[in-house]
Structures are given as C-alpha cells and as structure tokens.
Amino acid sequence: MPLYVKDPEVDRMAEQLSRLNGVSKTEAVRRALRRELDQVETPSEFVERGLAFTRALIARGNPAEARPVDKAWIDSLYEDD
C-alpha cells in the first residue's frame, strides 16, 4: 500500500535526510521510522532501572508487618519532634 505525504515540511525533511545520508527518500523514511519504532518498542535504560528498583522494593517488603496508611499516620509525617 503506497504512502502519500502531502505535508511540504515532511517532504522537505525527508529530502534533507535523504541527501545527508546519501539514500533515496524512501530509504530515509524507512530508516527514520525503524529508529522511531525501535525506540518506542525497546524500553530505555531508565525504564529498566526503574523496574529493577521497583522489583527490589517489592522483594524487601513484608506484608505481615505492614501497617495501614490512615489519616493519623499521614499526619504524623508532618509533626515536629
């Protein structure tokens, strides 16, 4: 199925990328789309680090020792000792 680009700015960017990389406009668009898809589909290092941190916190938790989070507990966070 063909892709028709009617936006002059998009056409200009594809032309510029094509010229800079020495490839056809089709190849320039293909590479740009592939890079974008790879970036979106592959979790970043920060996401992986965040997930590892969350997993470590969950592993350290002990539900048997958990206390309820109620108004009194929240208020205690703001009390001066």
N, C-alpha and C. Protein backbone atom coordinates (compact mmCIF):
# COMPACT_ATOMS: atom_id res chain seq x y z
N MET A 1 0.85 -1.17 0.00
CA MET A 1 0.00 0.00 0.00
C MET A 1 0.90 1.24 0.00
N PRO A 2 0.70 2.15 -0.92
CA PRO A 2 1.54 3.34 -1.01
C PRO A 2 1.27 4.33 0.12
N LEU A 3 2.26 5.11 0.42
CA LEU A 3 2.16 6.17 1.40
C LEU A 3 2.36 7.49 0.67
N TYR A 4 1.37 8.34 0.72
CA TYR A 4 1.47 9.64 0.07
C TYR A 4 1.59 10.70 1.14
N VAL A 5 2.64 11.50 1.06
CA VAL A 5 2.87 12.57 2.02
C VAL A 5 2.47 13.87 1.36
N LYS A 6 1.52 14.56 1.95
CA LYS A 6 1.02 15.81 1.37
C LYS A 6 1.53 17.03 2.12
N ASP A 7 2.28 16.81 3.19
CA ASP A 7 2.79 17.92 4.01
C ASP A 7 4.13 18.37 3.46
N PRO A 8 4.25 19.62 3.03
CA PRO A 8 5.51 20.11 2.46
C PRO A 8 6.69 20.04 3.44
N GLU A 9 6.43 20.27 4.72
CA GLU A 9 7.51 20.22 5.70
C GLU A 9 8.06 18.79 5.84
N VAL A 10 7.16 17.82 5.86
CA VAL A 10 7.58 16.42 5.96
C VAL A 10 8.38 16.04 4.71
N ASP A 11 7.92 16.48 3.56
CA ASP A 11 8.63 16.21 2.32
C ASP A 11 10.03 16.84 2.36
N ARG A 12 10.11 18.07 2.87
CA ARG A 12 11.41 18.76 2.97
C ARG A 12 12.35 18.01 3.90
N MET A 13 11.83 17.55 5.05
CA MET A 13 12.67 16.81 6.00
C MET A 13 13.13 15.49 5.40
N ALA A 14 12.25 14.80 4.70
CA ALA A 14 12.62 13.53 4.06
C ALA A 14 13.70 13.79 3.00
N GLU A 15 13.55 14.86 2.24
CA GLU A 15 14.53 15.21 1.22
C GLU A 15 15.89 15.52 1.86
N GLN A 16 15.87 16.29 2.94
CA GLN A 16 17.11 16.66 3.64
C GLN A 16 17.79 15.41 4.21
N LEU A 17 17.03 14.55 4.86
CA LEU A 17 17.58 13.32 5.43
C LEU A 17 18.13 12.42 4.33
N SER A 18 17.42 12.37 3.23
CA SER A 18 17.86 11.58 2.08
C SER A 18 19.21 12.08 1.57
N ARG A 19 19.31 13.38 1.42
CA ARG A 19 20.54 14.00 0.92
C ARG A 19 21.71 13.79 1.88
N LEU A 20 21.46 14.00 3.18
CA LEU A 20 22.53 13.87 4.18
C LEU A 20 23.06 12.44 4.29
N ASN A 21 22.16 11.47 4.11
CA ASN A 21 22.56 10.06 4.24
C ASN A 21 22.92 9.42 2.90
N GLY A 22 22.69 10.15 1.82
CA GLY A 22 23.02 9.61 0.50
C GLY A 22 22.17 8.42 0.10
N VAL A 23 20.89 8.47 0.48
CA VAL A 23 19.96 7.39 0.15
C VAL A 23 18.70 8.00 -0.47
N SER A 24 17.84 7.14 -0.97
CA SER A 24 16.57 7.63 -1.55
C SER A 24 15.67 8.14 -0.42
N LYS A 25 14.67 8.91 -0.80
CA LYS A 25 13.71 9.39 0.20
C LYS A 25 13.00 8.22 0.86
N THR A 26 12.68 7.22 0.08
CA THR A 26 12.01 6.03 0.64
C THR A 26 12.87 5.38 1.71
N GLU A 27 14.18 5.23 1.40
CA GLU A 27 15.08 4.61 2.37
C GLU A 27 15.26 5.50 3.60
N ALA A 28 15.31 6.81 3.39
CA ALA A 28 15.45 7.74 4.52
C ALA A 28 14.24 7.62 5.45
N VAL A 29 13.06 7.58 4.87
CA VAL A 29 11.84 7.45 5.67
C VAL A 29 11.80 6.09 6.36
N ARG A 30 12.19 5.04 5.64
CA ARG A 30 12.22 3.69 6.23
C ARG A 30 13.12 3.66 7.46
N ARG A 31 14.33 4.21 7.31
CA ARG A 31 15.28 4.22 8.44
C ARG A 31 14.76 5.04 9.61
N ALA A 32 14.18 6.19 9.31
CA ALA A 32 13.66 7.05 10.37
C ALA A 32 12.52 6.35 11.12
N LEU A 33 11.63 5.73 10.37
CA LEU A 33 10.53 5.00 11.00
C LEU A 33 11.05 3.82 11.82
N ARG A 34 12.06 3.10 11.32
CA ARG A 34 12.63 1.97 12.04
C ARG A 34 13.25 2.44 13.35
N ARG A 35 14.01 3.56 13.30
CA ARG A 35 14.62 4.09 14.53
C ARG A 35 13.55 4.47 15.55
N GLU A 36 12.51 5.11 15.08
CA GLU A 36 11.44 5.52 15.98
C GLU A 36 10.73 4.31 16.59
N LEU A 37 10.43 3.31 15.77
CA LEU A 37 9.80 2.10 16.29
C LEU A 37 10.69 1.37 17.28
N ASP A 38 11.98 1.29 16.98
CA ASP A 38 12.92 0.64 17.90
C ASP A 38 12.94 1.37 19.24
N GLN A 39 12.91 2.69 19.18
CA GLN A 39 12.95 3.48 20.40
C GLN A 39 11.68 3.29 21.22
N VAL A 40 10.55 3.24 20.56
CA VAL A 40 9.28 3.09 21.26
C VAL A 40 9.09 1.67 21.78
N GLU A 41 9.50 0.69 21.00
CA GLU A 41 9.29 -0.71 21.38
C GLU A 41 10.29 -1.21 22.41
N THR A 42 11.48 -0.65 22.46
CA THR A 42 12.52 -1.11 23.37
C THR A 42 12.54 -0.22 24.60
N PRO A 43 12.30 -0.79 25.77
CA PRO A 43 12.35 0.03 26.98
C PRO A 43 13.73 0.66 27.15
N SER A 44 13.74 1.89 27.57
CA SER A 44 15.00 2.58 27.77
C SER A 44 15.71 2.06 29.02
N GLU A 45 16.96 2.44 29.16
CA GLU A 45 17.75 2.04 30.33
C GLU A 45 17.08 2.54 31.60
N PHE A 46 16.49 3.74 31.55
CA PHE A 46 15.86 4.31 32.74
C PHE A 46 14.61 3.51 33.14
N VAL A 47 13.86 3.05 32.15
CA VAL A 47 12.69 2.22 32.45
C VAL A 47 13.14 0.92 33.08
N GLU A 48 14.17 0.30 32.52
CA GLU A 48 14.68 -0.95 33.08
C GLU A 48 15.18 -0.76 34.50
N ARG A 49 15.88 0.35 34.75
CA ARG A 49 16.39 0.61 36.10
C ARG A 49 15.24 0.86 37.06
N GLY A 50 14.21 1.56 36.61
CA GLY A 50 13.04 1.81 37.45
C GLY A 50 12.31 0.53 37.79
N LEU A 51 12.18 -0.35 36.82
CA LEU A 51 11.53 -1.64 37.07
C LEU A 51 12.35 -2.48 38.04
N ALA A 52 13.66 -2.50 37.87
CA ALA A 52 14.52 -3.26 38.79
C ALA A 52 14.41 -2.72 40.20
N PHE A 53 14.37 -1.39 40.35
CA PHE A 53 14.22 -0.77 41.66
C PHE A 53 12.89 -1.16 42.30
N THR A 54 11.82 -1.12 41.50
CA THR A 54 10.50 -1.49 42.00
C THR A 54 10.47 -2.96 42.43
N ARG A 55 11.06 -3.82 41.62
CA ARG A 55 11.10 -5.25 41.98
C ARG A 55 11.87 -5.47 43.28
N ALA A 56 12.97 -4.73 43.46
CA ALA A 56 13.76 -4.86 44.68
C ALA A 56 12.96 -4.41 45.90
N LEU A 57 12.20 -3.33 45.75
CA LEU A 57 11.38 -2.86 46.87
C LEU A 57 10.31 -3.89 47.22
N ILE A 58 9.68 -4.44 46.20
CA ILE A 58 8.65 -5.45 46.44
C ILE A 58 9.25 -6.67 47.14
N ALA A 59 10.44 -7.08 46.72
CA ALA A 59 11.10 -8.24 47.32
C ALA A 59 11.45 -7.99 48.79
N ARG A 60 11.76 -6.74 49.14
CA ARG A 60 12.12 -6.42 50.52
C ARG A 60 10.90 -6.29 51.42
N GLY A 61 9.75 -6.08 50.83
CA GLY A 61 8.53 -5.85 51.62
C GLY A 61 8.09 -7.08 52.38
N ASN A 62 7.42 -6.84 53.48
CA ASN A 62 6.88 -7.93 54.29
C ASN A 62 5.42 -7.57 54.62
N PRO A 63 4.46 -8.11 53.87
CA PRO A 63 3.05 -7.77 54.09
C PRO A 63 2.57 -8.06 55.51
N ALA A 64 3.18 -9.03 56.18
CA ALA A 64 2.75 -9.37 57.54
C ALA A 64 3.05 -8.23 58.52
N GLU A 65 4.05 -7.42 58.22
CA GLU A 65 4.42 -6.32 59.11
C GLU A 65 3.86 -4.98 58.64
N ALA A 66 3.07 -5.00 57.60
CA ALA A 66 2.54 -3.75 57.03
C ALA A 66 1.56 -3.11 58.00
N ARG A 67 1.60 -1.80 58.03
CA ARG A 67 0.66 -1.03 58.83
C ARG A 67 -0.25 -0.25 57.89
N PRO A 68 -1.47 0.01 58.31
CA PRO A 68 -2.39 0.74 57.43
C PRO A 68 -1.95 2.19 57.26
N VAL A 69 -2.19 2.71 56.11
CA VAL A 69 -1.93 4.12 55.86
C VAL A 69 -3.26 4.84 56.09
N ASP A 70 -3.34 5.49 57.24
CA ASP A 70 -4.57 6.21 57.57
C ASP A 70 -4.22 7.67 57.85
N LYS A 71 -5.22 8.45 58.19
CA LYS A 71 -5.01 9.88 58.42
C LYS A 71 -4.02 10.13 59.55
N ALA A 72 -4.10 9.37 60.61
CA ALA A 72 -3.20 9.56 61.74
C ALA A 72 -1.75 9.35 61.30
N TRP A 73 -1.50 8.34 60.49
CA TRP A 73 -0.14 8.08 60.03
C TRP A 73 0.35 9.21 59.12
N ILE A 74 -0.50 9.65 58.20
CA ILE A 74 -0.12 10.74 57.31
C ILE A 74 0.15 12.01 58.11
N ASP A 75 -0.69 12.31 59.08
CA ASP A 75 -0.48 13.49 59.92
C ASP A 75 0.83 13.40 60.69
N SER A 76 1.21 12.17 61.07
CA SER A 76 2.47 12.01 61.84
C SER A 76 3.69 12.39 60.99
N LEU A 77 3.56 12.33 59.70
CA LEU A 77 4.68 12.70 58.83
C LEU A 77 4.99 14.19 58.92
N TYR A 78 4.01 14.97 59.31
CA TYR A 78 4.18 16.42 59.32
C TYR A 78 4.39 16.98 60.73
N GLU A 79 4.43 16.12 61.73
CA GLU A 79 4.63 16.57 63.10
C GLU A 79 6.11 16.85 63.37
N ASP A 80 6.36 17.88 64.16
CA ASP A 80 7.72 18.18 64.59
C ASP A 80 8.00 17.43 65.88
N ASP A 81 9.16 16.82 65.94
CA ASP A 81 9.52 16.07 67.16
C ASP A 81 10.28 16.95 68.11
